[in-house]
Amino acid sequence: MRHQPLTGVGLETEPRWVERRLCRREHQDVTVLFNIFNSDQPQRVGEIRNYCEHGLYFETTRFLRPGTPLYLRLLSRPSIRCHQNAVACCRSISLAEVRWCRVLGDTENSGFGIGVKFYE
């Protein structure tokens, strides 16, 4: 007898998304200054929400196109201790590439969530 997947009863037969991160994220709010690498544009301010040794997620009022190279500088070190890769994931200055940019609310005035990957 072949079983049919249950539908309409609140059970998911497949996950809605697959975790693609390569490392554990550390959650902490840290202020970051950033600008487009090698540009004359002024620095902007963002708030880092989580990070790991390969990249980070921050929120800001500026849209950033995926593929944009960024210069990032933390204004303070995270107050929590990272896992065993602490030195790698708590970079105070780094170059990174914007991987994605999403509107945080209903309008662009709500701000943007930015995912970046560090250059190696």
PDB file of N, CA and C in Angstrom:
ATOM      1  N   MET A   1       0.839  -1.177   0.000  1.00  0.00           N
ATOM      2  CA  MET A   1       0.000   0.000   0.000  1.00  0.00           C
ATOM      3  C   MET A   1       0.884   1.239   0.000  1.00  0.00           C
ATOM      4  N   ARG A   2       0.604   2.149  -0.884  1.00  0.00           N
ATOM      5  CA  ARG A   2       1.384   3.376  -1.004  1.00  0.00           C
ATOM      6  C   ARG A   2       0.754   4.478  -0.169  1.00  0.00           C
ATOM      7  N   HIS A   3       1.561   5.157   0.635  1.00  0.00           N
ATOM      8  CA  HIS A   3       1.056   6.235   1.484  1.00  0.00           C
ATOM      9  C   HIS A   3       1.103   7.555   0.734  1.00  0.00           C
ATOM     10  N   GLN A   4       0.066   8.320   0.865  1.00  0.00           N
ATOM     11  CA  GLN A   4       0.006   9.658   0.282  1.00  0.00           C
ATOM     12  C   GLN A   4       0.461  10.661   1.332  1.00  0.00           C
ATOM     13  N   PRO A   5       1.175  11.731   0.927  1.00  0.00           N
ATOM     14  CA  PRO A   5       1.571  12.745   1.907  1.00  0.00           C
ATOM     15  C   PRO A   5       0.346  13.420   2.504  1.00  0.00           C
ATOM     16  N   LEU A   6       0.440  13.738   3.791  1.00  0.00           N
ATOM     17  CA  LEU A   6      -0.645  14.447   4.459  1.00  0.00           C
ATOM     18  C   LEU A   6      -0.633  15.903   4.030  1.00  0.00           C
ATOM     19  N   THR A   7      -1.765  16.400   3.631  1.00  0.00           N
ATOM     20  CA  THR A   7      -1.865  17.806   3.250  1.00  0.00           C
ATOM     21  C   THR A   7      -3.078  18.403   3.940  1.00  0.00           C
ATOM     22  N   GLY A   8      -3.009  19.680   4.214  1.00  0.00           N
ATOM     23  CA  GLY A   8      -4.142  20.372   4.797  1.00  0.00           C
ATOM     24  C   GLY A   8      -4.355  20.113   6.274  1.00  0.00           C
ATOM     25  N   VAL A   9      -3.391  19.452   6.936  1.00  0.00           N
ATOM     26  CA  VAL A   9      -3.547  19.184   8.363  1.00  0.00           C
ATOM     27  C   VAL A   9      -2.436  19.843   9.186  1.00  0.00           C
ATOM     28  N   GLY A  10      -1.727  20.800   8.587  1.00  0.00           N
ATOM     29  CA  GLY A  10      -0.687  21.526   9.317  1.00  0.00           C
ATOM     30  C   GLY A  10       0.669  20.846   9.320  1.00  0.00           C
ATOM     31  N   LEU A  11       0.840  19.777   8.567  1.00  0.00           N
ATOM     32  CA  LEU A  11       2.121  19.087   8.494  1.00  0.00           C
ATOM     33  C   LEU A  11       2.802  19.413   7.180  1.00  0.00           C
ATOM     34  N   GLU A  12       4.063  19.711   7.237  1.00  0.00           N
ATOM     35  CA  GLU A  12       4.830  19.990   6.028  1.00  0.00           C
ATOM     36  C   GLU A  12       5.515  18.710   5.583  1.00  0.00           C
ATOM     37  N   THR A  13       5.419  18.376   4.326  1.00  0.00           N
ATOM     38  CA  THR A  13       6.096  17.188   3.813  1.00  0.00           C
ATOM     39  C   THR A  13       7.525  17.490   3.397  1.00  0.00           C
ATOM     40  N   GLU A  14       7.842  18.740   3.120  1.00  0.00           N
ATOM     41  CA  GLU A  14       9.194  19.164   2.761  1.00  0.00           C
ATOM     42  C   GLU A  14       9.492  20.466   3.472  1.00  0.00           C
ATOM     43  N   PRO A  15      10.763  20.694   3.842  1.00  0.00           N
ATOM     44  CA  PRO A  15      11.086  21.972   4.489  1.00  0.00           C
ATOM     45  C   PRO A  15      10.903  23.125   3.509  1.00  0.00           C
ATOM     46  N   ARG A  16      10.499  24.274   4.031  1.00  0.00           N
ATOM     47  CA  ARG A  16      10.314  25.455   3.183  1.00  0.00           C
ATOM     48  C   ARG A  16      11.646  26.027   2.711  1.00  0.00           C
ATOM     49  N   TRP A  17      12.683  25.853   3.491  1.00  0.00           N
ATOM     50  CA  TRP A  17      14.007  26.340   3.109  1.00  0.00           C
ATOM     51  C   TRP A  17      15.049  25.396   3.665  1.00  0.00           C
ATOM     52  N   VAL A  18      16.220  25.429   3.070  1.00  0.00           N
ATOM     53  CA  VAL A  18      17.317  24.573   3.492  1.00  0.00           C
ATOM     54  C   VAL A  18      18.426  25.466   4.026  1.00  0.00           C
ATOM     55  N   GLU A  19      18.925  25.146   5.196  1.00  0.00           N
ATOM     56  CA  GLU A  19      20.029  25.904   5.801  1.00  0.00           C
ATOM     57  C   GLU A  19      21.279  25.723   4.943  1.00  0.00           C
ATOM     58  N   ARG A  20      21.846  26.839   4.461  1.00  0.00           N
ATOM     59  CA  ARG A  20      23.025  26.770   3.606  1.00  0.00           C
ATOM     60  C   ARG A  20      24.266  27.349   4.270  1.00  0.00           C
ATOM     61  N   ARG A  21      24.153  27.788   5.497  1.00  0.00           N
ATOM     62  CA  ARG A  21      25.310  28.370   6.167  1.00  0.00           C
ATOM     63  C   ARG A  21      26.348  27.298   6.460  1.00  0.00           C
ATOM     64  N   LEU A  22      27.600  27.704   6.353  1.00  0.00           N
ATOM     65  CA  LEU A  22      28.700  26.778   6.584  1.00  0.00           C
ATOM     66  C   LEU A  22      29.159  26.749   8.032  1.00  0.00           C
ATOM     67  N   CYS A  23      28.719  27.711   8.817  1.00  0.00           N
ATOM     68  CA  CYS A  23      29.183  27.791  10.201  1.00  0.00           C
ATOM     69  C   CYS A  23      28.086  28.348  11.097  1.00  0.00           C
ATOM     70  N   ARG A  24      28.286  28.207  12.390  1.00  0.00           N
ATOM     71  CA  ARG A  24      27.327  28.688  13.374  1.00  0.00           C
ATOM     72  C   ARG A  24      27.351  30.211  13.434  1.00  0.00           C
ATOM     73  N   ARG A  25      26.195  30.824  13.508  1.00  0.00           N
ATOM     74  CA  ARG A  25      26.082  32.274  13.606  1.00  0.00           C
ATOM     75  C   ARG A  25      26.107  32.706  15.067  1.00  0.00           C
ATOM     76  N   GLU A  26      26.781  33.805  15.329  1.00  0.00           N
ATOM     77  CA  GLU A  26      26.778  34.440  16.641  1.00  0.00           C
ATOM     78  C   GLU A  26      25.831  35.626  16.543  1.00  0.00           C
ATOM     79  N   HIS A  27      24.875  35.714  17.445  1.00  0.00           N
ATOM     80  CA  HIS A  27      23.885  36.790  17.416  1.00  0.00           C
ATOM     81  C   HIS A  27      24.293  37.883  18.394  1.00  0.00           C
ATOM     82  N   GLN A  28      24.435  39.094  17.873  1.00  0.00           N
ATOM     83  CA  GLN A  28      24.812  40.235  18.692  1.00  0.00           C
ATOM     84  C   GLN A  28      24.608  41.506  17.890  1.00  0.00           C
ATOM     85  N   ASP A  29      24.202  42.573  18.548  1.00  0.00           N
ATOM     86  CA  ASP A  29      24.049  43.862  17.886  1.00  0.00           C
ATOM     87  C   ASP A  29      25.339  44.659  18.042  1.00  0.00           C
ATOM     88  N   VAL A  30      25.966  44.970  16.915  1.00  0.00           N
ATOM     89  CA  VAL A  30      27.219  45.720  16.890  1.00  0.00           C
ATOM     90  C   VAL A  30      27.108  46.752  15.773  1.00  0.00           C
ATOM     91  N   THR A  31      27.513  47.986  16.030  1.00  0.00           N
ATOM     92  CA  THR A  31      27.466  49.037  15.012  1.00  0.00           C
ATOM     93  C   THR A  31      28.634  48.872  14.048  1.00  0.00           C
ATOM     94  N   VAL A  32      28.338  49.035  12.755  1.00  0.00           N
ATOM     95  CA  VAL A  32      29.354  48.913  11.720  1.00  0.00           C
ATOM     96  C   VAL A  32      29.287  50.144  10.819  1.00  0.00           C
ATOM     97  N   LEU A  33      30.455  50.629  10.422  1.00  0.00           N
ATOM     98  CA  LEU A  33      30.552  51.660   9.384  1.00  0.00           C
ATOM     99  C   LEU A  33      30.895  50.941   8.086  1.00  0.00           C
ATOM    100  N   PHE A  34      30.294  51.360   6.974  1.00  0.00           N
ATOM    101  CA  PHE A  34      30.586  50.700   5.708  1.00  0.00           C
ATOM    102  C   PHE A  34      30.522  51.703   4.576  1.00  0.00           C
ATOM    103  N   ASN A  35      31.234  51.396   3.515  1.00  0.00           N
ATOM    104  CA  ASN A  35      31.078  52.114   2.255  1.00  0.00           C
ATOM    105  C   ASN A  35      31.478  51.190   1.115  1.00  0.00           C
ATOM    106  N   ILE A  36      31.089  51.582  -0.075  1.00  0.00           N
ATOM    107  CA  ILE A  36      31.452  50.801  -1.244  1.00  0.00           C
ATOM    108  C   ILE A  36      32.958  50.914  -1.422  1.00  0.00           C
ATOM    109  N   PHE A  37      33.623  49.776  -1.558  1.00  0.00           N
ATOM    110  CA  PHE A  37      35.079  49.741  -1.645  1.00  0.00           C
ATOM    111  C   PHE A  37      35.564  50.545  -2.850  1.00  0.00           C
ATOM    112  N   ASN A  38      36.593  51.359  -2.626  1.00  0.00           N
ATOM    113  CA  ASN A  38      37.202  52.209  -3.651  1.00  0.00           C
ATOM    114  C   ASN A  38      36.244  53.230  -4.238  1.00  0.00           C
ATOM    115  N   SER A  39      35.343  53.753  -3.422  1.00  0.00           N
ATOM    116  CA  SER A  39      34.448  54.808  -3.904  1.00  0.00           C
ATOM    117  C   SER A  39      34.639  56.051  -3.042  1.00  0.00           C
ATOM    118  N   ASP A  40      34.186  57.174  -3.562  1.00  0.00           N
ATOM    119  CA  ASP A  40      34.272  58.425  -2.824  1.00  0.00           C
ATOM    120  C   ASP A  40      33.024  58.690  -1.989  1.00  0.00           C
ATOM    121  N   GLN A  41      32.107  57.742  -1.970  1.00  0.00           N
ATOM    122  CA  GLN A  41      30.871  57.924  -1.209  1.00  0.00           C
ATOM    123  C   GLN A  41      31.169  57.925   0.288  1.00  0.00           C
ATOM    124  N   PRO A  42      30.397  58.700   1.045  1.00  0.00           N
ATOM    125  CA  PRO A  42      30.623  58.737   2.496  1.00  0.00           C
ATOM    126  C   PRO A  42      30.274  57.404   3.156  1.00  0.00           C
ATOM    127  N   GLN A  43      30.887  57.199   4.330  1.00  0.00           N
ATOM    128  CA  GLN A  43      30.563  56.005   5.098  1.00  0.00           C
ATOM    129  C   GLN A  43      29.137  56.060   5.603  1.00  0.00           C
ATOM    130  N   ARG A  44      28.514  54.903   5.696  1.00  0.00           N
ATOM    131  CA  ARG A  44      27.161  54.763   6.238  1.00  0.00           C
ATOM    132  C   ARG A  44      27.237  53.937   7.503  1.00  0.00           C
ATOM    133  N   VAL A  45      26.154  53.963   8.255  1.00  0.00           N
ATOM    134  CA  VAL A  45      26.089  53.215   9.512  1.00  0.00           C
ATOM    135  C   VAL A  45      25.078  52.085   9.371  1.00  0.00           C
ATOM    136  N   GLY A  46      25.405  50.948   9.941  1.00  0.00           N
ATOM    137  CA  GLY A  46      24.500  49.809   9.982  1.00  0.00           C
ATOM    138  C   GLY A  46      24.619  49.118  11.329  1.00  0.00           C
ATOM    139  N   GLU A  47      23.707  48.199  11.588  1.00  0.00           N
ATOM    140  CA  GLU A  47      23.729  47.418  12.830  1.00  0.00           C
ATOM    141  C   GLU A  47      23.865  45.946  12.471  1.00  0.00           C
ATOM    142  N   ILE A  48      24.993  45.348  12.850  1.00  0.00           N
ATOM    143  CA  ILE A  48      25.198  43.920  12.637  1.00  0.00           C
ATOM    144  C   ILE A  48      24.276  43.171  13.587  1.00  0.00           C
ATOM    145  N   ARG A  49      23.573  42.174  13.056  1.00  0.00           N
ATOM    146  CA  ARG A  49      22.668  41.348  13.868  1.00  0.00           C
ATOM    147  C   ARG A  49      23.246  39.966  14.131  1.00  0.00           C
ATOM    148  N   ASN A  50      24.021  39.423  13.179  1.00  0.00           N
ATOM    149  CA  ASN A  50      24.708  38.156  13.417  1.00  0.00           C
ATOM    150  C   ASN A  50      25.890  38.038  12.468  1.00  0.00           C
ATOM    151  N   TYR A  51      26.827  37.159  12.820  1.00  0.00           N
ATOM    152  CA  TYR A  51      28.048  37.006  12.047  1.00  0.00           C
ATOM    153  C   TYR A  51      28.652  35.633  12.297  1.00  0.00           C
ATOM    154  N   CYS A  52      29.555  35.250  11.406  1.00  0.00           N
ATOM    155  CA  CYS A  52      30.355  34.045  11.579  1.00  0.00           C
ATOM    156  C   CYS A  52      31.675  34.289  10.852  1.00  0.00           C
ATOM    157  N   GLU A  53      32.489  33.267  10.739  1.00  0.00           N
ATOM    158  CA  GLU A  53      33.794  33.468  10.120  1.00  0.00           C
ATOM    159  C   GLU A  53      33.712  33.730   8.617  1.00  0.00           C
ATOM    160  N   HIS A  54      32.592  33.391   7.980  1.00  0.00           N
ATOM    161  CA  HIS A  54      32.476  33.561   6.525  1.00  0.00           C
ATOM    162  C   HIS A  54      31.709  34.803   6.098  1.00  0.00           C
ATOM    163  N   GLY A  55      30.949  35.418   7.000  1.00  0.00           N
ATOM    164  CA  GLY A  55      30.163  36.573   6.611  1.00  0.00           C
ATOM    165  C   GLY A  55      29.336  37.115   7.751  1.00  0.00           C
ATOM    166  N   LEU A  56      28.440  38.050   7.417  1.00  0.00           N
ATOM    167  CA  LEU A  56      27.593  38.638   8.441  1.00  0.00           C
ATOM    168  C   LEU A  56      26.310  39.166   7.832  1.00  0.00           C
ATOM    169  N   TYR A  57      25.370  39.483   8.722  1.00  0.00           N
ATOM    170  CA  TYR A  57      24.098  40.091   8.347  1.00  0.00           C
ATOM    171  C   TYR A  57      23.977  41.393   9.106  1.00  0.00           C
ATOM    172  N   PHE A  58      23.660  42.489   8.382  1.00  0.00           N
ATOM    173  CA  PHE A  58      23.433  43.759   9.058  1.00  0.00           C
ATOM    174  C   PHE A  58      22.240  44.472   8.455  1.00  0.00           C
ATOM    175  N   GLU A  59      21.734  45.443   9.193  1.00  0.00           N
ATOM    176  CA  GLU A  59      20.585  46.224   8.759  1.00  0.00           C
ATOM    177  C   GLU A  59      20.992  47.677   8.627  1.00  0.00           C
ATOM    178  N   THR A  60      20.449  48.329   7.597  1.00  0.00           N
ATOM    179  CA  THR A  60      20.793  49.715   7.309  1.00  0.00           C
ATOM    180  C   THR A  60      19.656  50.371   6.538  1.00  0.00           C
ATOM    181  N   THR A  61      19.774  51.666   6.323  1.00  0.00           N
ATOM    182  CA  THR A  61      18.749  52.397   5.576  1.00  0.00           C
ATOM    183  C   THR A  61      19.056  52.449   4.082  1.00  0.00           C
ATOM    184  N   ARG A  62      20.195  51.915   3.656  1.00  0.00           N
ATOM    185  CA  ARG A  62      20.621  52.017   2.257  1.00  0.00           C
ATOM    186  C   ARG A  62      20.493  50.698   1.524  1.00  0.00           C
ATOM    187  N   PHE A  63      19.926  50.750   0.317  1.00  0.00           N
ATOM    188  CA  PHE A  63      19.895  49.576  -0.556  1.00  0.00           C
ATOM    189  C   PHE A  63      21.293  49.328  -1.100  1.00  0.00           C
ATOM    190  N   LEU A  64      21.720  48.072  -1.097  1.00  0.00           N
ATOM    191  CA  LEU A  64      23.006  47.683  -1.681  1.00  0.00           C
ATOM    192  C   LEU A  64      22.775  46.539  -2.658  1.00  0.00           C
ATOM    193  N   ARG A  65      23.250  46.700  -3.873  1.00  0.00           N
ATOM    194  CA  ARG A  65      23.052  45.711  -4.931  1.00  0.00           C
ATOM    195  C   ARG A  65      23.949  44.483  -4.684  1.00  0.00           C
ATOM    196  N   PRO A  66      23.403  43.271  -4.839  1.00  0.00           N
ATOM    197  CA  PRO A  66      24.244  42.076  -4.728  1.00  0.00           C
ATOM    198  C   PRO A  66      25.429  42.158  -5.679  1.00  0.00           C
ATOM    199  N   GLY A  67      26.588  41.719  -5.184  1.00  0.00           N
ATOM    200  CA  GLY A  67      27.831  41.800  -5.947  1.00  0.00           C
ATOM    201  C   GLY A  67      28.662  43.022  -5.603  1.00  0.00           C
ATOM    202  N   THR A  68      28.096  43.973  -4.867  1.00  0.00           N
ATOM    203  CA  THR A  68      28.810  45.200  -4.498  1.00  0.00           C
ATOM    204  C   THR A  68      29.900  44.885  -3.476  1.00  0.00           C
ATOM    205  N   PRO A  69      31.159  45.326  -3.734  1.00  0.00           N
ATOM    206  CA  PRO A  69      32.220  45.126  -2.740  1.00  0.00           C
ATOM    207  C   PRO A  69      32.133  46.210  -1.659  1.00  0.00           C
ATOM    208  N   LEU A  70      32.259  45.801  -0.399  1.00  0.00           N
ATOM    209  CA  LEU A  70      32.155  46.737   0.726  1.00  0.00           C
ATOM    210  C   LEU A  70      33.404  46.719   1.585  1.00  0.00           C
ATOM    211  N   TYR A  71      33.717  47.883   2.134  1.00  0.00           N
ATOM    212  CA  TYR A  71      34.704  48.017   3.194  1.00  0.00           C
ATOM    213  C   TYR A  71      33.896  48.159   4.487  1.00  0.00           C
ATOM    214  N   LEU A  72      34.141  47.283   5.462  1.00  0.00           N
ATOM    215  CA  LEU A  72      33.402  47.272   6.720  1.00  0.00           C
ATOM    216  C   LEU A  72      34.344  47.526   7.888  1.00  0.00           C
ATOM    217  N   ARG A  73      33.875  48.328   8.852  1.00  0.00           N
ATOM    218  CA  ARG A  73      34.670  48.578  10.069  1.00  0.00           C
ATOM    219  C   ARG A  73      33.739  48.583  11.275  1.00  0.00           C
ATOM    220  N   LEU A  74      33.981  47.666  12.197  1.00  0.00           N
ATOM    221  CA  LEU A  74      33.191  47.621  13.425  1.00  0.00           C
ATOM    222  C   LEU A  74      33.592  48.773  14.333  1.00  0.00           C
ATOM    223  N   LEU A  75      32.606  49.407  14.964  1.00  0.00           N
ATOM    224  CA  LEU A  75      32.915  50.485  15.901  1.00  0.00           C
ATOM    225  C   LEU A  75      33.291  49.947  17.275  1.00  0.00           C
ATOM    226  N   SER A  76      32.892  48.721  17.574  1.00  0.00           N
ATOM    227  CA  SER A  76      33.278  48.082  18.829  1.00  0.00           C
ATOM    228  C   SER A  76      33.332  46.588  18.600  1.00  0.00           C
ATOM    229  N   ARG A  77      34.036  45.901  19.466  1.00  0.00           N
ATOM    230  CA  ARG A  77      34.098  44.437  19.380  1.00  0.00           C
ATOM    231  C   ARG A  77      32.845  43.844  20.008  1.00  0.00           C
ATOM    232  N   PRO A  78      32.380  42.716  19.508  1.00  0.00           N
ATOM    233  CA  PRO A  78      31.238  42.060  20.152  1.00  0.00           C
ATOM    234  C   PRO A  78      31.553  41.754  21.608  1.00  0.00           C
ATOM    235  N   SER A  79      30.557  41.876  22.471  1.00  0.00           N
ATOM    236  CA  SER A  79      30.792  41.673  23.905  1.00  0.00           C
ATOM    237  C   SER A  79      30.706  40.213  24.320  1.00  0.00           C
ATOM    238  N   ILE A  80      30.239  39.341  23.418  1.00  0.00           N
ATOM    239  CA  ILE A  80      30.207  37.924  23.759  1.00  0.00           C
ATOM    240  C   ILE A  80      31.400  37.225  23.129  1.00  0.00           C
ATOM    241  N   ARG A  81      31.764  36.104  23.680  1.00  0.00           N
ATOM    242  CA  ARG A  81      32.873  35.338  23.125  1.00  0.00           C
ATOM    243  C   ARG A  81      32.362  34.475  21.988  1.00  0.00           C
ATOM    244  N   CYS A  82      33.102  34.456  20.918  1.00  0.00           N
ATOM    245  CA  CYS A  82      32.748  33.604  19.785  1.00  0.00           C
ATOM    246  C   CYS A  82      33.132  32.165  20.102  1.00  0.00           C
ATOM    247  N   HIS A  83      32.740  31.271  19.218  1.00  0.00           N
ATOM    248  CA  HIS A  83      33.143  29.878  19.340  1.00  0.00           C
ATOM    249  C   HIS A  83      34.631  29.767  19.075  1.00  0.00           C
ATOM    250  N   GLN A  84      35.142  28.596  18.805  1.00  0.00           N
ATOM    251  CA  GLN A  84      36.580  28.376  18.682  1.00  0.00           C
ATOM    252  C   GLN A  84      37.238  29.178  17.565  1.00  0.00           C
ATOM    253  N   ASN A  85      36.484  29.662  16.580  1.00  0.00           N
ATOM    254  CA  ASN A  85      37.044  30.469  15.498  1.00  0.00           C
ATOM    255  C   ASN A  85      36.906  31.961  15.790  1.00  0.00           C
ATOM    256  N   ALA A  86      37.079  32.346  17.052  1.00  0.00           N
ATOM    257  CA  ALA A  86      36.822  33.714  17.494  1.00  0.00           C
ATOM    258  C   ALA A  86      37.599  34.751  16.695  1.00  0.00           C
ATOM    259  N   VAL A  87      38.859  34.512  16.448  1.00  0.00           N
ATOM    260  CA  VAL A  87      39.666  35.505  15.747  1.00  0.00           C
ATOM    261  C   VAL A  87      39.136  35.710  14.330  1.00  0.00           C
ATOM    262  N   ALA A  88      38.778  34.637  13.660  1.00  0.00           N
ATOM    263  CA  ALA A  88      38.308  34.740  12.281  1.00  0.00           C
ATOM    264  C   ALA A  88      36.949  35.421  12.185  1.00  0.00           C
ATOM    265  N   CYS A  89      36.051  35.142  13.116  1.00  0.00           N
ATOM    266  CA  CYS A  89      34.688  35.656  12.944  1.00  0.00           C
ATOM    267  C   CYS A  89      34.484  37.043  13.532  1.00  0.00           C
ATOM    268  N   CYS A  90      35.372  37.513  14.349  1.00  0.00           N
ATOM    269  CA  CYS A  90      35.205  38.830  14.969  1.00  0.00           C
ATOM    270  C   CYS A  90      36.132  39.852  14.324  1.00  0.00           C
ATOM    271  N   ARG A  91      36.117  39.908  13.008  1.00  0.00           N
ATOM    272  CA  ARG A  91      36.982  40.846  12.283  1.00  0.00           C
ATOM    273  C   ARG A  91      36.549  42.279  12.566  1.00  0.00           C
ATOM    274  N   SER A  92      37.494  43.145  12.872  1.00  0.00           N
ATOM    275  CA  SER A  92      37.132  44.539  13.117  1.00  0.00           C
ATOM    276  C   SER A  92      37.151  45.360  11.826  1.00  0.00           C
ATOM    277  N   ILE A  93      37.954  44.948  10.856  1.00  0.00           N
ATOM    278  CA  ILE A  93      37.992  45.586   9.532  1.00  0.00           C
ATOM    279  C   ILE A  93      38.002  44.477   8.497  1.00  0.00           C
ATOM    280  N   SER A  94      37.179  44.615   7.465  1.00  0.00           N
ATOM    281  CA  SER A  94      37.153  43.565   6.454  1.00  0.00           C
ATOM    282  C   SER A  94      36.618  44.082   5.127  1.00  0.00           C
ATOM    283  N   LEU A  95      36.872  43.312   4.087  1.00  0.00           N
ATOM    284  CA  LEU A  95      36.292  43.527   2.766  1.00  0.00           C
ATOM    285  C   LEU A  95      35.318  42.390   2.535  1.00  0.00           C
ATOM    286  N   ALA A  96      34.158  42.716   1.995  1.00  0.00           N
ATOM    287  CA  ALA A  96      33.125  41.703   1.795  1.00  0.00           C
ATOM    288  C   ALA A  96      32.323  42.026   0.545  1.00  0.00           C
ATOM    289  N   GLU A  97      31.600  41.024   0.057  1.00  0.00           N
ATOM    290  CA  GLU A  97      30.723  41.190  -1.094  1.00  0.00           C
ATOM    291  C   GLU A  97      29.282  41.037  -0.644  1.00  0.00           C
ATOM    292  N   VAL A  98      28.425  41.936  -1.117  1.00  0.00           N
ATOM    293  CA  VAL A  98      26.998  41.825  -0.825  1.00  0.00           C
ATOM    294  C   VAL A  98      26.452  40.607  -1.571  1.00  0.00           C
ATOM    295  N   ARG A  99      25.860  39.672  -0.841  1.00  0.00           N
ATOM    296  CA  ARG A  99      25.273  38.479  -1.452  1.00  0.00           C
ATOM    297  C   ARG A  99      23.779  38.651  -1.701  1.00  0.00           C
ATOM    298  N   TRP A 100      23.100  39.381  -0.787  1.00  0.00           N
ATOM    299  CA  TRP A 100      21.669  39.633  -0.947  1.00  0.00           C
ATOM    300  C   TRP A 100      21.277  40.874  -0.162  1.00  0.00           C
ATOM    301  N   CYS A 101      20.141  41.461  -0.572  1.00  0.00           N
ATOM    302  CA  CYS A 101      19.602  42.660   0.072  1.00  0.00           C
ATOM    303  C   CYS A 101      18.087  42.542   0.049  1.00  0.00           C
ATOM    304  N   ARG A 102      17.453  42.674   1.220  1.00  0.00           N
ATOM    305  CA  ARG A 102      15.999  42.534   1.320  1.00  0.00           C
ATOM    306  C   ARG A 102      15.394  43.708   2.063  1.00  0.00           C
ATOM    307  N   VAL A 103      14.214  44.138   1.616  1.00  0.00           N
ATOM    308  CA  VAL A 103      13.466  45.185   2.319  1.00  0.00           C
ATOM    309  C   VAL A 103      12.975  44.588   3.633  1.00  0.00           C
ATOM    310  N   LEU A 104      13.142  45.326   4.738  1.00  0.00           N
ATOM    311  CA  LEU A 104      12.784  44.802   6.058  1.00  0.00           C
ATOM    312  C   LEU A 104      11.303  44.901   6.386  1.00  0.00           C
ATOM    313  N   GLY A 105      10.621  45.873   5.830  1.00  0.00           N
ATOM    314  CA  GLY A 105       9.205  46.055   6.148  1.00  0.00           C
ATOM    315  C   GLY A 105       8.362  46.132   4.900  1.00  0.00           C
ATOM    316  N   ASP A 106       7.290  46.877   5.015  1.00  0.00           N
ATOM    317  CA  ASP A 106       6.361  47.015   3.892  1.00  0.00           C
ATOM    318  C   ASP A 106       6.841  47.997   2.830  1.00  0.00           C
ATOM    319  N   THR A 107       7.746  48.907   3.215  1.00  0.00           N
ATOM    320  CA  THR A 107       8.219  49.918   2.266  1.00  0.00           C
ATOM    321  C   THR A 107       9.732  50.029   2.356  1.00  0.00           C
ATOM    322  N   GLU A 108      10.332  50.697   1.384  1.00  0.00           N
ATOM    323  CA  GLU A 108      11.773  50.910   1.408  1.00  0.00           C
ATOM    324  C   GLU A 108      12.196  51.800   2.566  1.00  0.00           C
ATOM    325  N   ASN A 109      11.264  52.582   3.133  1.00  0.00           N
ATOM    326  CA  ASN A 109      11.580  53.416   4.291  1.00  0.00           C
ATOM    327  C   ASN A 109      11.823  52.580   5.539  1.00  0.00           C
ATOM    328  N   SER A 110      11.463  51.304   5.496  1.00  0.00           N
ATOM    329  CA  SER A 110      11.657  50.415   6.636  1.00  0.00           C
ATOM    330  C   SER A 110      13.115  50.008   6.806  1.00  0.00           C
ATOM    331  N   GLY A 111      13.915  50.179   5.793  1.00  0.00           N
ATOM    332  CA  GLY A 111      15.313  49.774   5.845  1.00  0.00           C
ATOM    333  C   GLY A 111      15.540  48.468   5.097  1.00  0.00           C
ATOM    334  N   PHE A 112      16.799  48.017   5.117  1.00  0.00           N
ATOM    335  CA  PHE A 112      17.195  46.840   4.355  1.00  0.00           C
ATOM    336  C   PHE A 112      18.025  45.903   5.221  1.00  0.00           C
ATOM    337  N   GLY A 113      17.852  44.623   4.991  1.00  0.00           N
ATOM    338  CA  GLY A 113      18.701  43.599   5.584  1.00  0.00           C
ATOM    339  C   GLY A 113      19.706  43.171   4.530  1.00  0.00           C
ATOM    340  N   ILE A 114      20.980  43.150   4.901  1.00  0.00           N
ATOM    341  CA  ILE A 114      22.055  42.887   3.960  1.00  0.00           C
ATOM    342  C   ILE A 114      22.858  41.665   4.419  1.00  0.00           C
ATOM    343  N   GLY A 115      23.019  40.696   3.534  1.00  0.00           N
ATOM    344  CA  GLY A 115      23.894  39.550   3.806  1.00  0.00           C
ATOM    345  C   GLY A 115      25.173  39.699   3.024  1.00  0.00           C
ATOM    346  N   VAL A 116      26.321  39.585   3.686  1.00  0.00           N
ATOM    347  CA  VAL A 116      27.608  39.722   3.001  1.00  0.00           C
ATOM    348  C   VAL A 116      28.497  38.510   3.284  1.00  0.00           C
ATOM    349  N   LYS A 117      29.380  38.247   2.344  1.00  0.00           N
ATOM    350  CA  LYS A 117      30.383  37.189   2.497  1.00  0.00           C
ATOM    351  C   LYS A 117      31.751  37.848   2.441  1.00  0.00           C
ATOM    352  N   PHE A 118      32.611  37.499   3.416  1.00  0.00           N
ATOM    353  CA  PHE A 118      33.947  38.069   3.459  1.00  0.00           C
ATOM    354  C   PHE A 118      34.778  37.558   2.286  1.00  0.00           C
ATOM    355  N   TYR A 119      35.631  38.449   1.746  1.00  0.00           N
ATOM    356  CA  TYR A 119      36.624  38.015   0.776  1.00  0.00           C
ATOM    357  C   TYR A 119      37.707  37.282   1.551  1.00  0.00           C
ATOM    358  N   GLU A 120      38.260  36.261   0.945  1.00  0.00           N
ATOM    359  CA  GLU A 120      39.297  35.478   1.644  1.00  0.00           C
ATOM    360  C   GLU A 120      40.671  35.846   1.207  1.00  0.00           C
TER     361      GLU A 120
END
